[in-house]
Amino acid sequence: MQKKILIDASSFMDVKETHAAIKAAIGSEDYVGSNLDALHDVLTGIGRRTRITVVNYRKAEEYLGEYAEKLAFVLAVSASSNPFLSVVFE
């Protein structure tokens, strides 16, 4: 059975809040560091079929600007590196 994670990016008003919200959604104690490298490490370490759906991504772009683009890139690269992970932006 596939694990489903929903991340609402409308709450991503700053970098600290962004990582706190993602950490809560993923529910991983291994997500240490609150940065994109730590996020990539956690996502590529997932060993069970998992689908992450990111909603309201455009709001994150409004608040975070270029950091939102970097975040989307890390999510996509992590999914392409881990056969157990898929990431969808809605």
C-alpha atoms as a PDB file:
ATOM      1  CA  MET A   1       0.000   0.000   0.000  1.00  0.00           C
ATOM      2  CA  GLN A   2       1.256   3.444  -0.925  1.00  0.00           C
ATOM      3  CA  LYS A   3       1.786   6.072   1.745  1.00  0.00           C
ATOM      4  CA  LYS A   4       0.226   9.416   0.772  1.00  0.00           C
ATOM      5  CA  ILE A   5       1.566  12.708   2.057  1.00  0.00           C
ATOM      6  CA  LEU A   6      -0.204  16.007   1.402  1.00  0.00           C
ATOM      7  CA  ILE A   7       1.806  19.203   1.710  1.00  0.00           C
ATOM      8  CA  ASP A   8      -0.072  22.508   1.561  1.00  0.00           C
ATOM      9  CA  ALA A   9       2.458  25.074   0.365  1.00  0.00           C
ATOM     10  CA  SER A  10       0.182  28.023   1.147  1.00  0.00           C
ATOM     11  CA  SER A  11       1.656  28.023   4.659  1.00  0.00           C
ATOM     12  CA  PHE A  12       5.232  28.426   3.372  1.00  0.00           C
ATOM     13  CA  MET A  13       5.725  32.058   4.378  1.00  0.00           C
ATOM     14  CA  ASP A  14       9.396  31.771   5.261  1.00  0.00           C
ATOM     15  CA  VAL A  15      12.109  29.130   5.082  1.00  0.00           C
ATOM     16  CA  LYS A  16      11.831  28.097   8.737  1.00  0.00           C
ATOM     17  CA  GLU A  17       8.050  27.578   8.529  1.00  0.00           C
ATOM     18  CA  THR A  18       8.469  25.741   5.239  1.00  0.00           C
ATOM     19  CA  HIS A  19      10.792  23.135   6.672  1.00  0.00           C
ATOM     20  CA  ALA A  20       8.722  22.776   9.844  1.00  0.00           C
ATOM     21  CA  ALA A  21       5.585  22.099   7.763  1.00  0.00           C
ATOM     22  CA  ILE A  22       7.358  19.604   5.503  1.00  0.00           C
ATOM     23  CA  LYS A  23       8.906  17.813   8.477  1.00  0.00           C
ATOM     24  CA  ALA A  24       5.481  17.517  10.126  1.00  0.00           C
ATOM     25  CA  ALA A  25       3.889  16.224   6.918  1.00  0.00           C
ATOM     26  CA  ILE A  26       6.614  13.652   6.277  1.00  0.00           C
ATOM     27  CA  GLY A  27       6.757  12.601   9.920  1.00  0.00           C
ATOM     28  CA  SER A  28      10.427  11.681   9.838  1.00  0.00           C
ATOM     29  CA  GLU A  29      12.686  12.006  12.849  1.00  0.00           C
ATOM     30  CA  ASP A  30      15.620  11.785  10.428  1.00  0.00           C
ATOM     31  CA  TYR A  31      14.781  15.188   8.926  1.00  0.00           C
ATOM     32  CA  VAL A  32      17.418  17.107  10.865  1.00  0.00           C
ATOM     33  CA  GLY A  33      18.861  20.417   9.751  1.00  0.00           C
ATOM     34  CA  SER A  34      15.858  22.196   8.255  1.00  0.00           C
ATOM     35  CA  ASN A  35      17.510  22.771   4.906  1.00  0.00           C
ATOM     36  CA  LEU A  36      17.249  21.434   1.359  1.00  0.00           C
ATOM     37  CA  ASP A  37      20.165  19.012   1.765  1.00  0.00           C
ATOM     38  CA  ALA A  38      18.509  17.444   4.798  1.00  0.00           C
ATOM     39  CA  LEU A  39      15.213  17.210   2.932  1.00  0.00           C
ATOM     40  CA  HIS A  40      16.905  15.474  -0.002  1.00  0.00           C
ATOM     41  CA  ASP A  41      18.601  13.010   2.364  1.00  0.00           C
ATOM     42  CA  VAL A  42      15.291  12.090   3.989  1.00  0.00           C
ATOM     43  CA  LEU A  43      13.400  11.771   0.712  1.00  0.00           C
ATOM     44  CA  THR A  44      16.009   9.620  -0.968  1.00  0.00           C
ATOM     45  CA  GLY A  45      16.063   7.388   2.108  1.00  0.00           C
ATOM     46  CA  ILE A  46      12.362   6.507   1.905  1.00  0.00           C
ATOM     47  CA  GLY A  47      12.103   2.758   1.448  1.00  0.00           C
ATOM     48  CA  ARG A  48       8.366   2.349   0.974  1.00  0.00           C
ATOM     49  CA  ARG A  49       6.108   3.446  -1.871  1.00  0.00           C
ATOM     50  CA  THR A  50       5.256   7.054  -1.081  1.00  0.00           C
ATOM     51  CA  ARG A  51       3.435   9.762  -3.004  1.00  0.00           C
ATOM     52  CA  ILE A  52       3.861  13.383  -1.984  1.00  0.00           C
ATOM     53  CA  THR A  53       1.247  15.779  -3.320  1.00  0.00           C
ATOM     54  CA  VAL A  54       2.080  19.470  -3.062  1.00  0.00           C
ATOM     55  CA  VAL A  55      -0.916  21.791  -3.294  1.00  0.00           C
ATOM     56  CA  ASN A  56      -0.962  25.603  -3.527  1.00  0.00           C
ATOM     57  CA  TYR A  57       2.624  25.735  -4.761  1.00  0.00           C
ATOM     58  CA  ARG A  58       2.022  29.144  -6.402  1.00  0.00           C
ATOM     59  CA  LYS A  59       1.497  30.647  -2.937  1.00  0.00           C
ATOM     60  CA  ALA A  60       4.913  29.377  -1.889  1.00  0.00           C
ATOM     61  CA  GLU A  61       6.407  31.096  -4.920  1.00  0.00           C
ATOM     62  CA  GLU A  62       4.818  34.378  -3.834  1.00  0.00           C
ATOM     63  CA  TYR A  63       6.341  34.210  -0.345  1.00  0.00           C
ATOM     64  CA  LEU A  64       9.602  32.367  -0.938  1.00  0.00           C
ATOM     65  CA  GLY A  65      10.552  33.460  -4.449  1.00  0.00           C
ATOM     66  CA  GLU A  66      13.670  31.686  -5.671  1.00  0.00           C
ATOM     67  CA  TYR A  67      13.730  29.391  -2.625  1.00  0.00           C
ATOM     68  CA  ALA A  68      10.408  27.889  -3.772  1.00  0.00           C
ATOM     69  CA  GLU A  69      12.036  27.002  -7.093  1.00  0.00           C
ATOM     70  CA  LYS A  70      14.944  25.361  -5.287  1.00  0.00           C
ATOM     71  CA  LEU A  71      12.499  23.436  -3.109  1.00  0.00           C
ATOM     72  CA  ALA A  72      10.581  22.178  -6.148  1.00  0.00           C
ATOM     73  CA  PHE A  73      13.868  21.135  -7.753  1.00  0.00           C
ATOM     74  CA  VAL A  74      14.933  19.168  -4.658  1.00  0.00           C
ATOM     75  CA  LEU A  75      11.552  17.426  -4.522  1.00  0.00           C
ATOM     76  CA  ALA A  76      11.802  16.478  -8.211  1.00  0.00           C
ATOM     77  CA  VAL A  77      15.426  15.315  -8.017  1.00  0.00           C
ATOM     78  CA  SER A  78      14.690  13.288  -4.891  1.00  0.00           C
ATOM     79  CA  ALA A  79      11.771  11.579  -6.625  1.00  0.00           C
ATOM     80  CA  SER A  80      13.864  10.787  -9.683  1.00  0.00           C
ATOM     81  CA  SER A  81      16.585   9.339  -7.432  1.00  0.00           C
ATOM     82  CA  ASN A  82      14.265   7.167  -5.337  1.00  0.00           C
ATOM     83  CA  PRO A  83      12.104   4.569  -7.102  1.00  0.00           C
ATOM     84  CA  PHE A  84       9.803   4.422  -4.054  1.00  0.00           C
ATOM     85  CA  LEU A  85       8.960   8.137  -4.199  1.00  0.00           C
ATOM     86  CA  SER A  86       6.726  10.174  -6.468  1.00  0.00           C
ATOM     87  CA  VAL A  87       6.013  13.895  -6.152  1.00  0.00           C
ATOM     88  CA  VAL A  88       3.051  15.631  -7.753  1.00  0.00           C
ATOM     89  CA  PHE A  89       2.306  19.355  -7.831  1.00  0.00           C
ATOM     90  CA  GLU A  90      -1.383  20.240  -7.986  1.00  0.00           C
END
